[in-house]
Amino acid sequence: MNSIDLSESSRTLLANKLRREIESASGRKALEYRSGRFSLAEELRDCLIYLACADKFEAFPDSLKQKAETGDIFLIPDSELGEDCYFGRFHIVYTIFGFRGIRSLVDEIMRLRRLIIKGGKIIVADYTEDSFNEECIKQMKRCGFSDIRTELFSIDGKPAFLITAEK
């Protein structure tokens, strides 16, 4: 179960926003980068040819573990993301509520940047509290991402953002 409880309409809204970005990507291999808080892997699996999930705390919910057992979704231990076999493997890396609280955001974005193919994209969705969207944009620019686009919207009455940037 997700530790962030959203209404069904907000889950659908987020899934549709990510689906739109996935469908406009150069390919359909994606990594969902989690922090043990939220996942849309099950909702987005149908629009991807390959979906892997990595979790900062390796706290995968049982539903994802079951999907991994069938080979539908692949689980990658966070500690393995630095291995060469994952560099340049994904067209899309997305995270939802996954960056807040990370000690060094620029290091984390740089680490994920290595996993994205040239021309691929990173997608970040979160709440705009404390101008967190501005910090994400600043660090993405610092890490060499371009064509950074931001969309502001509301999740269950709270202001939120979706940032998309290309490598």
N, C-alpha and C. Protein backbone atom coordinates (compact mmCIF):
# COMPACT_ATOMS: atom_id res chain seq x y z
N MET A 1 0.85 -1.18 0.00
CA MET A 1 0.00 0.00 0.00
C MET A 1 0.89 1.24 0.00
N ASN A 2 0.45 2.26 -0.70
CA ASN A 2 1.21 3.51 -0.72
C ASN A 2 1.09 4.19 0.62
N SER A 3 2.18 4.79 1.09
CA SER A 3 2.10 5.51 2.35
C SER A 3 1.55 6.92 2.15
N ILE A 4 1.40 7.35 0.90
CA ILE A 4 0.72 8.59 0.60
C ILE A 4 -0.64 8.19 0.05
N ASP A 5 -1.68 8.53 0.78
CA ASP A 5 -3.02 8.16 0.35
C ASP A 5 -3.61 9.28 -0.49
N LEU A 6 -3.91 8.95 -1.72
CA LEU A 6 -4.53 9.90 -2.63
C LEU A 6 -5.91 9.39 -3.01
N SER A 7 -6.78 10.31 -3.35
CA SER A 7 -8.08 9.91 -3.86
C SER A 7 -7.88 9.20 -5.20
N GLU A 8 -8.85 8.42 -5.57
CA GLU A 8 -8.79 7.71 -6.85
C GLU A 8 -8.66 8.70 -8.00
N SER A 9 -9.36 9.84 -7.90
CA SER A 9 -9.29 10.83 -8.98
C SER A 9 -7.89 11.44 -9.09
N SER A 10 -7.20 11.64 -7.97
CA SER A 10 -5.84 12.18 -8.02
C SER A 10 -4.86 11.15 -8.56
N ARG A 11 -5.03 9.88 -8.20
CA ARG A 11 -4.18 8.82 -8.78
C ARG A 11 -4.35 8.79 -10.30
N THR A 12 -5.61 8.88 -10.73
CA THR A 12 -5.90 8.85 -12.16
C THR A 12 -5.30 10.08 -12.85
N LEU A 13 -5.43 11.24 -12.23
CA LEU A 13 -4.87 12.48 -12.77
C LEU A 13 -3.35 12.34 -12.95
N LEU A 14 -2.66 11.88 -11.92
CA LEU A 14 -1.21 11.70 -12.01
C LEU A 14 -0.84 10.67 -13.08
N ALA A 15 -1.55 9.57 -13.10
CA ALA A 15 -1.27 8.53 -14.09
C ALA A 15 -1.47 9.07 -15.51
N ASN A 16 -2.51 9.84 -15.73
CA ASN A 16 -2.77 10.40 -17.06
C ASN A 16 -1.69 11.41 -17.46
N LYS A 17 -1.22 12.22 -16.51
CA LYS A 17 -0.16 13.17 -16.82
C LYS A 17 1.13 12.44 -17.19
N LEU A 18 1.46 11.40 -16.45
CA LEU A 18 2.66 10.63 -16.78
C LEU A 18 2.49 9.86 -18.08
N ARG A 19 1.32 9.31 -18.30
CA ARG A 19 1.04 8.57 -19.54
C ARG A 19 1.26 9.49 -20.75
N ARG A 20 0.81 10.73 -20.66
CA ARG A 20 0.99 11.70 -21.75
C ARG A 20 2.47 11.90 -22.04
N GLU A 21 3.28 12.04 -20.98
CA GLU A 21 4.72 12.23 -21.16
C GLU A 21 5.39 10.97 -21.70
N ILE A 22 4.95 9.82 -21.23
CA ILE A 22 5.50 8.55 -21.71
C ILE A 22 5.22 8.38 -23.20
N GLU A 23 4.00 8.68 -23.60
CA GLU A 23 3.62 8.51 -25.00
C GLU A 23 4.36 9.46 -25.92
N SER A 24 4.88 10.57 -25.40
CA SER A 24 5.64 11.51 -26.23
C SER A 24 7.14 11.27 -26.15
N ALA A 25 7.57 10.25 -25.41
CA ALA A 25 9.00 9.96 -25.26
C ALA A 25 9.54 9.24 -26.49
N SER A 26 10.86 9.23 -26.61
CA SER A 26 11.51 8.60 -27.76
C SER A 26 11.43 7.07 -27.70
N GLY A 27 11.09 6.52 -26.58
CA GLY A 27 10.97 5.07 -26.43
C GLY A 27 10.14 4.74 -25.21
N ARG A 28 9.93 3.48 -24.93
CA ARG A 28 9.02 3.06 -23.88
C ARG A 28 9.68 2.20 -22.81
N LYS A 29 10.96 2.41 -22.56
CA LYS A 29 11.62 1.73 -21.45
C LYS A 29 11.74 2.72 -20.30
N ALA A 30 11.16 2.37 -19.14
CA ALA A 30 11.10 3.33 -18.05
C ALA A 30 11.57 2.74 -16.74
N LEU A 31 12.04 3.64 -15.89
CA LEU A 31 12.40 3.32 -14.51
C LEU A 31 11.55 4.21 -13.61
N GLU A 32 10.81 3.59 -12.71
CA GLU A 32 10.12 4.34 -11.68
C GLU A 32 11.04 4.38 -10.48
N TYR A 33 11.48 5.57 -10.13
CA TYR A 33 12.37 5.74 -8.97
C TYR A 33 11.53 6.12 -7.78
N ARG A 34 11.54 5.26 -6.78
CA ARG A 34 10.66 5.40 -5.62
C ARG A 34 11.47 5.70 -4.36
N SER A 35 10.77 6.22 -3.38
CA SER A 35 11.38 6.40 -2.07
C SER A 35 10.53 5.70 -1.01
N GLY A 36 9.87 4.63 -1.41
CA GLY A 36 9.03 3.88 -0.50
C GLY A 36 7.70 4.54 -0.21
N ARG A 37 7.38 5.62 -0.93
CA ARG A 37 6.19 6.39 -0.60
C ARG A 37 5.05 6.25 -1.58
N PHE A 38 5.32 6.05 -2.86
CA PHE A 38 4.24 6.10 -3.83
C PHE A 38 4.67 5.40 -5.12
N SER A 39 3.72 4.76 -5.77
CA SER A 39 3.99 4.09 -7.03
C SER A 39 2.78 4.18 -7.95
N LEU A 40 3.07 4.36 -9.23
CA LEU A 40 2.05 4.26 -10.27
C LEU A 40 2.44 3.18 -11.28
N ALA A 41 3.36 2.31 -10.89
CA ALA A 41 3.86 1.28 -11.80
C ALA A 41 2.73 0.43 -12.36
N GLU A 42 1.83 0.02 -11.52
CA GLU A 42 0.75 -0.84 -12.00
C GLU A 42 -0.17 -0.11 -12.97
N GLU A 43 -0.43 1.17 -12.74
CA GLU A 43 -1.28 1.94 -13.62
C GLU A 43 -0.63 2.24 -14.97
N LEU A 44 0.71 2.33 -14.99
CA LEU A 44 1.43 2.73 -16.21
C LEU A 44 2.03 1.56 -16.98
N ARG A 45 2.00 0.39 -16.41
CA ARG A 45 2.65 -0.77 -17.03
C ARG A 45 2.16 -1.01 -18.45
N ASP A 46 0.89 -0.80 -18.72
CA ASP A 46 0.33 -1.12 -20.03
C ASP A 46 0.85 -0.23 -21.17
N CYS A 47 1.40 0.95 -20.86
CA CYS A 47 1.88 1.83 -21.94
C CYS A 47 3.40 1.77 -22.11
N LEU A 48 4.05 0.81 -21.47
CA LEU A 48 5.50 0.67 -21.54
C LEU A 48 5.89 -0.71 -22.06
N ILE A 49 7.01 -0.79 -22.77
CA ILE A 49 7.48 -2.11 -23.19
C ILE A 49 8.37 -2.74 -22.11
N TYR A 50 8.91 -1.89 -21.24
CA TYR A 50 9.76 -2.39 -20.16
C TYR A 50 9.62 -1.42 -19.00
N LEU A 51 9.36 -1.94 -17.82
CA LEU A 51 9.24 -1.10 -16.64
C LEU A 51 10.02 -1.72 -15.50
N ALA A 52 10.92 -0.94 -14.95
CA ALA A 52 11.68 -1.35 -13.77
C ALA A 52 11.37 -0.37 -12.65
N CYS A 53 11.47 -0.85 -11.43
CA CYS A 53 11.28 0.01 -10.26
C CYS A 53 12.50 -0.11 -9.38
N ALA A 54 13.00 1.01 -8.94
CA ALA A 54 14.08 1.04 -7.95
C ALA A 54 13.56 1.84 -6.78
N ASP A 55 13.87 1.40 -5.60
CA ASP A 55 13.38 2.05 -4.40
C ASP A 55 14.55 2.40 -3.51
N LYS A 56 14.63 3.66 -3.13
CA LYS A 56 15.71 4.15 -2.28
C LYS A 56 15.85 3.33 -1.00
N PHE A 57 14.72 2.87 -0.47
CA PHE A 57 14.74 2.12 0.78
C PHE A 57 14.40 0.65 0.58
N GLU A 58 14.30 0.23 -0.70
CA GLU A 58 13.95 -1.15 -1.06
C GLU A 58 12.72 -1.62 -0.32
N ALA A 59 11.73 -0.73 -0.25
CA ALA A 59 10.47 -1.01 0.43
C ALA A 59 9.38 -1.22 -0.61
N PHE A 60 9.51 -2.26 -1.41
CA PHE A 60 8.54 -2.52 -2.46
C PHE A 60 7.26 -3.11 -1.88
N PRO A 61 6.11 -2.60 -2.31
CA PRO A 61 4.85 -3.19 -1.83
C PRO A 61 4.66 -4.60 -2.39
N ASP A 62 3.86 -5.38 -1.73
CA ASP A 62 3.63 -6.76 -2.14
C ASP A 62 3.09 -6.86 -3.57
N SER A 63 2.26 -5.92 -3.97
CA SER A 63 1.70 -5.98 -5.32
C SER A 63 2.79 -5.88 -6.38
N LEU A 64 3.83 -5.04 -6.15
CA LEU A 64 4.94 -4.96 -7.10
C LEU A 64 5.80 -6.21 -7.05
N LYS A 65 5.99 -6.76 -5.86
CA LYS A 65 6.75 -8.01 -5.74
C LYS A 65 6.07 -9.13 -6.52
N GLN A 66 4.75 -9.18 -6.46
CA GLN A 66 4.01 -10.20 -7.21
C GLN A 66 4.16 -9.99 -8.71
N LYS A 67 4.09 -8.74 -9.15
CA LYS A 67 4.29 -8.45 -10.58
C LYS A 67 5.71 -8.81 -11.01
N ALA A 68 6.68 -8.62 -10.13
CA ALA A 68 8.07 -8.96 -10.44
C ALA A 68 8.22 -10.48 -10.60
N GLU A 69 7.52 -11.23 -9.81
CA GLU A 69 7.59 -12.69 -9.90
C GLU A 69 7.07 -13.19 -11.24
N THR A 70 6.14 -12.48 -11.84
CA THR A 70 5.61 -12.88 -13.15
C THR A 70 6.43 -12.30 -14.30
N GLY A 71 7.41 -11.45 -13.98
CA GLY A 71 8.24 -10.84 -15.01
C GLY A 71 7.60 -9.64 -15.67
N ASP A 72 6.51 -9.14 -15.11
CA ASP A 72 5.80 -8.00 -15.69
C ASP A 72 6.47 -6.67 -15.34
N ILE A 73 7.02 -6.59 -14.15
CA ILE A 73 7.76 -5.42 -13.67
C ILE A 73 9.06 -5.93 -13.07
N PHE A 74 10.15 -5.24 -13.30
CA PHE A 74 11.44 -5.65 -12.78
C PHE A 74 11.82 -4.77 -11.60
N LEU A 75 12.28 -5.38 -10.53
CA LEU A 75 12.71 -4.63 -9.35
C LEU A 75 14.22 -4.59 -9.33
N ILE A 76 14.77 -3.39 -9.17
CA ILE A 76 16.22 -3.20 -9.14
C ILE A 76 16.59 -2.64 -7.78
N PRO A 77 17.43 -3.32 -7.04
CA PRO A 77 17.88 -2.74 -5.77
C PRO A 77 18.58 -1.39 -6.03
N ASP A 78 18.29 -0.42 -5.22
CA ASP A 78 18.88 0.91 -5.38
C ASP A 78 20.40 0.85 -5.44
N SER A 79 20.99 -0.04 -4.68
CA SER A 79 22.44 -0.16 -4.63
C SER A 79 23.04 -0.60 -5.97
N GLU A 80 22.21 -1.18 -6.85
CA GLU A 80 22.71 -1.66 -8.14
C GLU A 80 22.59 -0.61 -9.25
N LEU A 81 21.91 0.49 -9.01
CA LEU A 81 21.71 1.49 -10.06
C LEU A 81 23.02 2.10 -10.56
N GLY A 82 24.07 2.03 -9.78
CA GLY A 82 25.35 2.58 -10.19
C GLY A 82 26.15 1.66 -11.10
N GLU A 83 25.66 0.46 -11.35
CA GLU A 83 26.38 -0.49 -12.19
C GLU A 83 26.26 -0.10 -13.66
N ASP A 84 27.34 -0.33 -14.40
CA ASP A 84 27.39 0.06 -15.81
C ASP A 84 26.25 -0.50 -16.65
N CYS A 85 25.74 -1.67 -16.30
CA CYS A 85 24.70 -2.30 -17.13
C CYS A 85 23.41 -1.48 -17.17
N TYR A 86 23.24 -0.56 -16.24
CA TYR A 86 22.04 0.28 -16.24
C TYR A 86 22.26 1.64 -16.87
N PHE A 87 23.49 2.02 -17.17
CA PHE A 87 23.76 3.34 -17.74
C PHE A 87 23.18 3.41 -19.16
N GLY A 88 22.43 4.48 -19.42
CA GLY A 88 21.85 4.69 -20.73
C GLY A 88 20.82 3.65 -21.12
N ARG A 89 20.17 3.03 -20.18
CA ARG A 89 19.23 1.95 -20.46
C ARG A 89 17.78 2.42 -20.62
N PHE A 90 17.44 3.55 -20.03
CA PHE A 90 16.04 3.96 -19.96
C PHE A 90 15.76 5.19 -20.81
N HIS A 91 14.58 5.19 -21.45
CA HIS A 91 14.11 6.37 -22.17
C HIS A 91 13.51 7.38 -21.21
N ILE A 92 12.98 6.86 -20.09
CA ILE A 92 12.27 7.70 -19.13
C ILE A 92 12.64 7.25 -17.72
N VAL A 93 12.95 8.20 -16.87
CA VAL A 93 13.03 7.94 -15.44
C VAL A 93 12.02 8.89 -14.81
N TYR A 94 11.09 8.34 -14.04
CA TYR A 94 10.11 9.19 -13.39
C TYR A 94 10.06 8.91 -11.89
N THR A 95 9.70 9.95 -11.16
CA THR A 95 9.56 9.83 -9.72
C THR A 95 8.38 10.67 -9.26
N ILE A 96 7.61 10.11 -8.36
CA ILE A 96 6.44 10.80 -7.81
C ILE A 96 6.61 10.83 -6.30
N PHE A 97 6.69 12.01 -5.75
CA PHE A 97 6.94 12.18 -4.31
C PHE A 97 8.24 11.48 -3.89
N GLY A 98 9.21 11.39 -4.80
CA GLY A 98 10.41 10.61 -4.53
C GLY A 98 11.65 11.39 -4.15
N PHE A 99 11.69 12.70 -4.37
CA PHE A 99 12.91 13.47 -4.11
C PHE A 99 12.89 14.22 -2.79
N ARG A 100 11.73 14.52 -2.28
CA ARG A 100 11.65 15.32 -1.06
C ARG A 100 12.37 14.61 0.08
N GLY A 101 13.22 15.32 0.77
CA GLY A 101 13.94 14.74 1.90
C GLY A 101 15.29 14.12 1.55
N ILE A 102 15.62 14.08 0.27
CA ILE A 102 16.94 13.56 -0.11
C ILE A 102 17.98 14.60 0.24
N ARG A 103 19.02 14.16 0.89
CA ARG A 103 20.04 15.07 1.39
C ARG A 103 20.70 15.90 0.28
N SER A 104 21.13 15.25 -0.79
CA SER A 104 21.78 15.97 -1.87
C SER A 104 21.01 15.72 -3.17
N LEU A 105 20.09 16.61 -3.46
CA LEU A 105 19.24 16.47 -4.62
C LEU A 105 20.05 16.44 -5.91
N VAL A 106 21.06 17.27 -6.02
CA VAL A 106 21.86 17.32 -7.24
C VAL A 106 22.58 15.99 -7.46
N ASP A 107 23.08 15.37 -6.43
CA ASP A 107 23.75 14.07 -6.58
C ASP A 107 22.76 13.00 -7.05
N GLU A 108 21.56 13.04 -6.50
CA GLU A 108 20.54 12.05 -6.87
C GLU A 108 20.09 12.25 -8.31
N ILE A 109 19.90 13.48 -8.72
CA ILE A 109 19.51 13.75 -10.11
C ILE A 109 20.63 13.34 -11.05
N MET A 110 21.87 13.61 -10.70
CA MET A 110 23.00 13.22 -11.53
C MET A 110 23.09 11.70 -11.65
N ARG A 111 22.86 11.02 -10.55
CA ARG A 111 22.91 9.55 -10.55
C ARG A 111 21.83 9.00 -11.49
N LEU A 112 20.64 9.57 -11.46
CA LEU A 112 19.57 9.11 -12.33
C LEU A 112 19.81 9.52 -13.79
N ARG A 113 20.46 10.66 -13.99
CA ARG A 113 20.75 11.14 -15.35
C ARG A 113 21.57 10.12 -16.12
N ARG A 114 22.49 9.46 -15.44
CA ARG A 114 23.34 8.45 -16.09
C ARG A 114 22.53 7.29 -16.67
N LEU A 115 21.36 7.05 -16.10
CA LEU A 115 20.54 5.92 -16.52
C LEU A 115 19.73 6.20 -17.78
N ILE A 116 19.62 7.47 -18.15
CA ILE A 116 18.75 7.90 -19.24
C ILE A 116 19.55 8.00 -20.54
N ILE A 117 18.96 7.49 -21.62
CA ILE A 117 19.61 7.59 -22.92
C ILE A 117 19.63 9.05 -23.37
N LYS A 118 20.52 9.37 -24.29
CA LYS A 118 20.54 10.71 -24.86
C LYS A 118 19.21 10.93 -25.58
N GLY A 119 18.56 12.06 -25.28
CA GLY A 119 17.25 12.35 -25.84
C GLY A 119 16.11 11.84 -24.98
N GLY A 120 16.44 11.12 -23.90
CA GLY A 120 15.43 10.63 -22.97
C GLY A 120 15.01 11.73 -22.01
N LYS A 121 14.13 11.38 -21.08
CA LYS A 121 13.62 12.41 -20.18
C LYS A 121 13.48 11.93 -18.76
N ILE A 122 13.52 12.90 -17.87
CA ILE A 122 13.23 12.68 -16.46
C ILE A 122 11.93 13.41 -16.16
N ILE A 123 11.10 12.79 -15.33
CA ILE A 123 9.80 13.38 -14.97
C ILE A 123 9.70 13.35 -13.44
N VAL A 124 9.40 14.50 -12.86
CA VAL A 124 9.29 14.61 -11.41
C VAL A 124 7.93 15.21 -11.08
N ALA A 125 7.20 14.54 -10.19
CA ALA A 125 5.92 15.06 -9.70
C ALA A 125 5.98 15.10 -8.18
N ASP A 126 5.52 16.20 -7.61
CA ASP A 126 5.53 16.35 -6.16
C ASP A 126 4.66 17.55 -5.80
N TYR A 127 4.59 17.81 -4.51
CA TYR A 127 3.89 19.00 -4.03
C TYR A 127 4.82 20.21 -4.12
N THR A 128 4.24 21.41 -4.30
CA THR A 128 5.04 22.63 -4.46
C THR A 128 5.42 23.28 -3.13
N GLU A 129 5.15 22.62 -2.02
CA GLU A 129 5.48 23.19 -0.71
C GLU A 129 6.94 23.64 -0.67
N ASP A 130 7.18 24.76 0.00
CA ASP A 130 8.53 25.30 0.19
C ASP A 130 9.25 25.54 -1.13
N SER A 131 8.52 25.86 -2.18
CA SER A 131 9.11 26.11 -3.51
C SER A 131 9.98 24.95 -3.98
N PHE A 132 9.58 23.73 -3.65
CA PHE A 132 10.37 22.56 -4.00
C PHE A 132 10.51 22.41 -5.52
N ASN A 133 9.49 22.83 -6.26
CA ASN A 133 9.59 22.75 -7.73
C ASN A 133 10.73 23.62 -8.25
N GLU A 134 10.93 24.79 -7.67
CA GLU A 134 12.02 25.67 -8.09
C GLU A 134 13.38 25.05 -7.80
N GLU A 135 13.50 24.37 -6.67
CA GLU A 135 14.76 23.69 -6.33
C GLU A 135 15.03 22.55 -7.30
N CYS A 136 14.00 21.79 -7.65
CA CYS A 136 14.16 20.71 -8.63
C CYS A 136 14.63 21.24 -9.98
N ILE A 137 14.02 22.32 -10.45
CA ILE A 137 14.41 22.92 -11.73
C ILE A 137 15.86 23.39 -11.68
N LYS A 138 16.22 24.06 -10.61
CA LYS A 138 17.59 24.56 -10.44
C LYS A 138 18.59 23.42 -10.52
N GLN A 139 18.32 22.32 -9.83
CA GLN A 139 19.26 21.21 -9.81
C GLN A 139 19.26 20.44 -11.13
N MET A 140 18.14 20.40 -11.82
CA MET A 140 18.11 19.76 -13.14
C MET A 140 18.97 20.54 -14.13
N LYS A 141 18.85 21.85 -14.09
CA LYS A 141 19.70 22.69 -14.95
C LYS A 141 21.16 22.46 -14.63
N ARG A 142 21.46 22.43 -13.35
CA ARG A 142 22.84 22.21 -12.90
C ARG A 142 23.39 20.86 -13.39
N CYS A 143 22.50 19.87 -13.54
CA CYS A 143 22.91 18.53 -13.99
C CYS A 143 22.90 18.39 -15.50
N GLY A 144 22.61 19.46 -16.22
CA GLY A 144 22.71 19.44 -17.67
C GLY A 144 21.44 19.05 -18.41
N PHE A 145 20.31 19.02 -17.73
CA PHE A 145 19.05 18.75 -18.42
C PHE A 145 18.61 20.00 -19.16
N SER A 146 17.90 19.81 -20.26
CA SER A 146 17.41 20.94 -21.05
C SER A 146 15.93 20.77 -21.34
N ASP A 147 15.37 21.72 -22.04
CA ASP A 147 13.95 21.72 -22.39
C ASP A 147 13.10 21.38 -21.16
N ILE A 148 13.35 22.11 -20.09
CA ILE A 148 12.66 21.86 -18.83
C ILE A 148 11.29 22.54 -18.87
N ARG A 149 10.25 21.72 -18.66
CA ARG A 149 8.87 22.22 -18.68
C ARG A 149 8.20 21.93 -17.35
N THR A 150 7.42 22.87 -16.88
CA THR A 150 6.72 22.71 -15.61
C THR A 150 5.23 22.89 -15.81
N GLU A 151 4.48 22.04 -15.17
CA GLU A 151 3.02 22.16 -15.17
C GLU A 151 2.57 22.17 -13.72
N LEU A 152 1.81 23.19 -13.35
CA LEU A 152 1.25 23.28 -12.01
C LEU A 152 -0.20 22.80 -12.03
N PHE A 153 -0.59 22.09 -11.00
CA PHE A 153 -1.95 21.58 -10.90
C PHE A 153 -2.25 21.31 -9.44
N SER A 154 -3.34 20.64 -9.15
CA SER A 154 -3.74 20.38 -7.77
C SER A 154 -3.95 18.89 -7.56
N ILE A 155 -3.46 18.39 -6.42
CA ILE A 155 -3.69 16.99 -6.03
C ILE A 155 -4.43 17.03 -4.70
N ASP A 156 -5.65 16.57 -4.73
CA ASP A 156 -6.48 16.56 -3.52
C ASP A 156 -6.45 17.91 -2.79
N GLY A 157 -6.53 18.98 -3.56
CA GLY A 157 -6.60 20.32 -2.99
C GLY A 157 -5.26 20.95 -2.64
N LYS A 158 -4.16 20.23 -2.84
CA LYS A 158 -2.83 20.78 -2.56
C LYS A 158 -2.13 21.14 -3.87
N PRO A 159 -1.40 22.26 -3.90
CA PRO A 159 -0.69 22.61 -5.12
C PRO A 159 0.45 21.62 -5.39
N ALA A 160 0.53 21.22 -6.66
CA ALA A 160 1.53 20.23 -7.06
C ALA A 160 2.16 20.66 -8.39
N PHE A 161 3.20 19.93 -8.79
CA PHE A 161 3.87 20.23 -10.05
C PHE A 161 4.29 18.94 -10.75
N LEU A 162 4.47 19.07 -12.05
CA LEU A 162 5.06 18.03 -12.87
C LEU A 162 6.15 18.70 -13.69
N ILE A 163 7.37 18.25 -13.53
CA ILE A 163 8.49 18.80 -14.28
C ILE A 163 8.98 17.71 -15.22
N THR A 164 9.19 18.08 -16.47
CA THR A 164 9.75 17.19 -17.47
C THR A 164 10.99 17.86 -18.03
N ALA A 165 12.08 17.10 -18.14
CA ALA A 165 13.32 17.64 -18.68
C ALA A 165 13.98 16.59 -19.54
N GLU A 166 14.71 17.04 -20.56
CA GLU A 166 15.37 16.12 -21.48
C GLU A 166 16.87 16.10 -21.26
N LYS A 167 17.43 14.95 -21.54
CA LYS A 167 18.89 14.79 -21.42
C LYS A 167 19.52 15.14 -22.74
